[in-house]
Amino acid sequence: MNYHITDRGVRHRLQRLEKNNTVVGYSVTLSPELISEKVNRTIVLKFKFT
């Protein structure tokens, strides 16, 4: 699709989607091959746009 969008454009779009509750959260999936330890851990991150 070859879209080009700036970081600022992405932040603005995400803020709009969060404001109207289209986006209500985020999750991360880590690749086990890239993690050196064999222990699974859960990481909770909260982002605040400033």
N, C-alpha and C. Protein backbone atom coordinates (compact mmCIF):
# COMPACT_ATOMS: atom_id res chain seq x y z
N MET A 1 0.82 -1.19 0.00
CA MET A 1 0.00 0.00 0.00
C MET A 1 0.86 1.25 0.00
N ASN A 2 2.05 1.14 0.56
CA ASN A 2 3.05 2.19 0.43
C ASN A 2 2.57 3.56 0.93
N TYR A 3 2.04 3.59 2.16
CA TYR A 3 1.63 4.86 2.77
C TYR A 3 2.82 5.49 3.47
N HIS A 4 2.87 6.80 3.44
CA HIS A 4 3.90 7.54 4.17
C HIS A 4 3.18 8.49 5.13
N ILE A 5 3.44 8.33 6.43
CA ILE A 5 2.80 9.17 7.44
C ILE A 5 3.85 9.52 8.49
N THR A 6 3.81 10.74 8.97
CA THR A 6 4.79 11.19 9.95
C THR A 6 4.45 10.65 11.34
N ASP A 7 5.43 10.71 12.25
CA ASP A 7 5.19 10.32 13.64
C ASP A 7 4.07 11.17 14.24
N ARG A 8 4.08 12.44 13.93
CA ARG A 8 3.05 13.34 14.45
C ARG A 8 1.67 12.94 13.93
N GLY A 9 1.59 12.55 12.68
CA GLY A 9 0.33 12.10 12.11
C GLY A 9 -0.19 10.84 12.77
N VAL A 10 0.71 9.92 13.08
CA VAL A 10 0.34 8.68 13.77
C VAL A 10 -0.18 9.00 15.17
N ARG A 11 0.53 9.87 15.89
CA ARG A 11 0.09 10.24 17.25
C ARG A 11 -1.28 10.89 17.22
N HIS A 12 -1.50 11.79 16.26
CA HIS A 12 -2.79 12.48 16.15
C HIS A 12 -3.91 11.48 15.86
N ARG A 13 -3.67 10.57 14.96
CA ARG A 13 -4.68 9.56 14.61
C ARG A 13 -4.98 8.66 15.80
N LEU A 14 -3.94 8.23 16.52
CA LEU A 14 -4.15 7.38 17.70
C LEU A 14 -4.93 8.12 18.78
N GLN A 15 -4.61 9.37 19.00
CA GLN A 15 -5.34 10.15 20.01
C GLN A 15 -6.82 10.26 19.65
N ARG A 16 -7.12 10.46 18.38
CA ARG A 16 -8.51 10.56 17.93
C ARG A 16 -9.23 9.23 18.13
N LEU A 17 -8.56 8.12 17.78
CA LEU A 17 -9.16 6.80 17.94
C LEU A 17 -9.36 6.45 19.41
N GLU A 18 -8.44 6.87 20.27
CA GLU A 18 -8.59 6.64 21.71
C GLU A 18 -9.73 7.49 22.28
N LYS A 19 -9.85 8.72 21.81
CA LYS A 19 -10.88 9.62 22.32
C LYS A 19 -12.28 9.09 22.04
N ASN A 20 -12.51 8.50 20.86
CA ASN A 20 -13.84 7.98 20.56
C ASN A 20 -13.96 6.49 20.90
N ASN A 21 -13.02 5.98 21.71
CA ASN A 21 -13.02 4.60 22.21
C ASN A 21 -12.97 3.54 21.12
N THR A 22 -12.41 3.87 19.97
CA THR A 22 -12.14 2.86 18.96
C THR A 22 -10.95 2.03 19.40
N VAL A 23 -9.93 2.68 19.93
CA VAL A 23 -8.77 2.00 20.51
C VAL A 23 -8.90 2.12 22.02
N VAL A 24 -8.97 0.97 22.71
CA VAL A 24 -9.14 1.00 24.16
C VAL A 24 -7.93 0.43 24.89
N GLY A 25 -6.94 -0.09 24.16
CA GLY A 25 -5.75 -0.62 24.80
C GLY A 25 -4.75 -1.13 23.79
N TYR A 26 -3.62 -1.54 24.29
CA TYR A 26 -2.53 -2.03 23.45
C TYR A 26 -1.98 -3.31 24.06
N SER A 27 -1.44 -4.18 23.22
CA SER A 27 -0.76 -5.37 23.72
C SER A 27 0.48 -5.61 22.89
N VAL A 28 1.41 -6.36 23.47
CA VAL A 28 2.68 -6.65 22.81
C VAL A 28 2.86 -8.15 22.76
N THR A 29 3.30 -8.66 21.62
CA THR A 29 3.65 -10.06 21.49
C THR A 29 5.14 -10.13 21.18
N LEU A 30 5.89 -10.79 22.05
CA LEU A 30 7.33 -10.89 21.88
C LEU A 30 7.68 -12.21 21.22
N SER A 31 8.66 -12.19 20.35
CA SER A 31 9.13 -13.39 19.68
C SER A 31 10.02 -14.19 20.62
N PRO A 32 9.66 -15.44 20.94
CA PRO A 32 10.48 -16.24 21.86
C PRO A 32 11.90 -16.47 21.35
N GLU A 33 12.10 -16.49 20.05
CA GLU A 33 13.44 -16.71 19.49
C GLU A 33 14.37 -15.54 19.81
N LEU A 34 13.82 -14.37 20.03
CA LEU A 34 14.64 -13.19 20.29
C LEU A 34 14.89 -12.94 21.77
N ILE A 35 14.21 -13.67 22.62
CA ILE A 35 14.37 -13.50 24.06
C ILE A 35 15.39 -14.51 24.56
N SER A 36 16.42 -14.02 25.24
CA SER A 36 17.50 -14.91 25.67
C SER A 36 17.10 -15.81 26.83
N GLU A 37 16.24 -15.33 27.72
CA GLU A 37 15.82 -16.14 28.86
C GLU A 37 14.63 -17.01 28.46
N LYS A 38 14.50 -18.15 29.11
CA LYS A 38 13.40 -19.06 28.81
C LYS A 38 12.17 -18.78 29.68
N VAL A 39 12.21 -17.73 30.49
CA VAL A 39 11.12 -17.40 31.39
C VAL A 39 10.19 -16.41 30.69
N ASN A 40 8.89 -16.69 30.73
CA ASN A 40 7.91 -15.75 30.17
C ASN A 40 7.57 -14.71 31.23
N ARG A 41 7.48 -13.47 30.81
CA ARG A 41 7.14 -12.38 31.72
C ARG A 41 6.07 -11.52 31.07
N THR A 42 5.28 -10.89 31.89
CA THR A 42 4.26 -9.97 31.41
C THR A 42 4.72 -8.55 31.69
N ILE A 43 4.62 -7.69 30.69
CA ILE A 43 5.00 -6.29 30.82
C ILE A 43 3.76 -5.45 30.54
N VAL A 44 3.41 -4.57 31.46
CA VAL A 44 2.28 -3.67 31.27
C VAL A 44 2.85 -2.27 31.08
N LEU A 45 2.52 -1.66 29.95
CA LEU A 45 2.99 -0.31 29.64
C LEU A 45 1.80 0.62 29.49
N LYS A 46 1.95 1.84 29.97
CA LYS A 46 0.93 2.84 29.78
C LYS A 46 1.60 4.04 29.13
N PHE A 47 1.07 4.46 27.99
CA PHE A 47 1.64 5.57 27.26
C PHE A 47 0.78 6.80 27.45
N LYS A 48 1.41 7.93 27.61
CA LYS A 48 0.70 9.20 27.69
C LYS A 48 1.33 10.13 26.67
N PHE A 49 0.52 10.59 25.73
CA PHE A 49 1.02 11.51 24.72
C PHE A 49 1.06 12.90 25.31
N THR A 50 2.19 13.57 25.12
CA THR A 50 2.34 14.92 25.65
C THR A 50 2.55 15.90 24.54
